[in-house]
Amino acid sequence: MIKKIDSNDIVVSLDSYKEMFSYFDPRSYPQRSMSHDLLAELKRAAKDKKLGVIDLKFVIHKSKRTKKKDIMIKKRLKEHFSKHYDILKKERNNYIKRGIIYALIGVILMLLATTLLFYTDQKTFFNQFLIVLLEPGGWFLFWEGLYLVIFDSKYRTLDLEFYKKMQKCRVIFL
């Protein structure tokens, strides 16, 4: 029986430990991939939880539990959450860096196009071609860079917040 469920608890009922892991991964629990269904359910449940300590409570029938597996799975969950937090943090930072670089290159291309327009009196084919090439290229890179910084990195931040919450959670088997 569950004694108390706090508003920052996530409670998952399982028939066995196997439900926590991918059915397609034959490795033992310390290396086995986490179940996509479990991760999706945890993401949904963690969405409205405050950042701080979350108690992740797994309810498994007493006859199917062992202390050794509880400890092993707690460790595996912590490793999974920490690993994916680190991966997503690097990924998000790379998107931001790439976005800033794209935007700066875009500005440089637009400056080159403006320089050609302003300082060259000759309306040669080559000058006109460079302007036609540099101007839209500059705008494209500028806006694509801003998209990466503002929107794409925000999409990654949602997953990052989930893994940050889960990285700090307490795993409890009941």
Foldseek 3Di string as FASTA:
>chain_A
DDDDDDLLEAEAEDAAPPQQFDPPFPDDLLPTHGDPVVVVSLLVSNLPHDQDEYEYEYEYPPVRDDPVVLVSNQVSQLVVLVVVLVVLVVVLVVLLVQLVVLLVVLVVLCVVLVCLVPPDPDPDPVSVVSNVVSNVSSVVSNVSSVCSNPPVSVVSVSVSSSSSRSNNYHYHYD
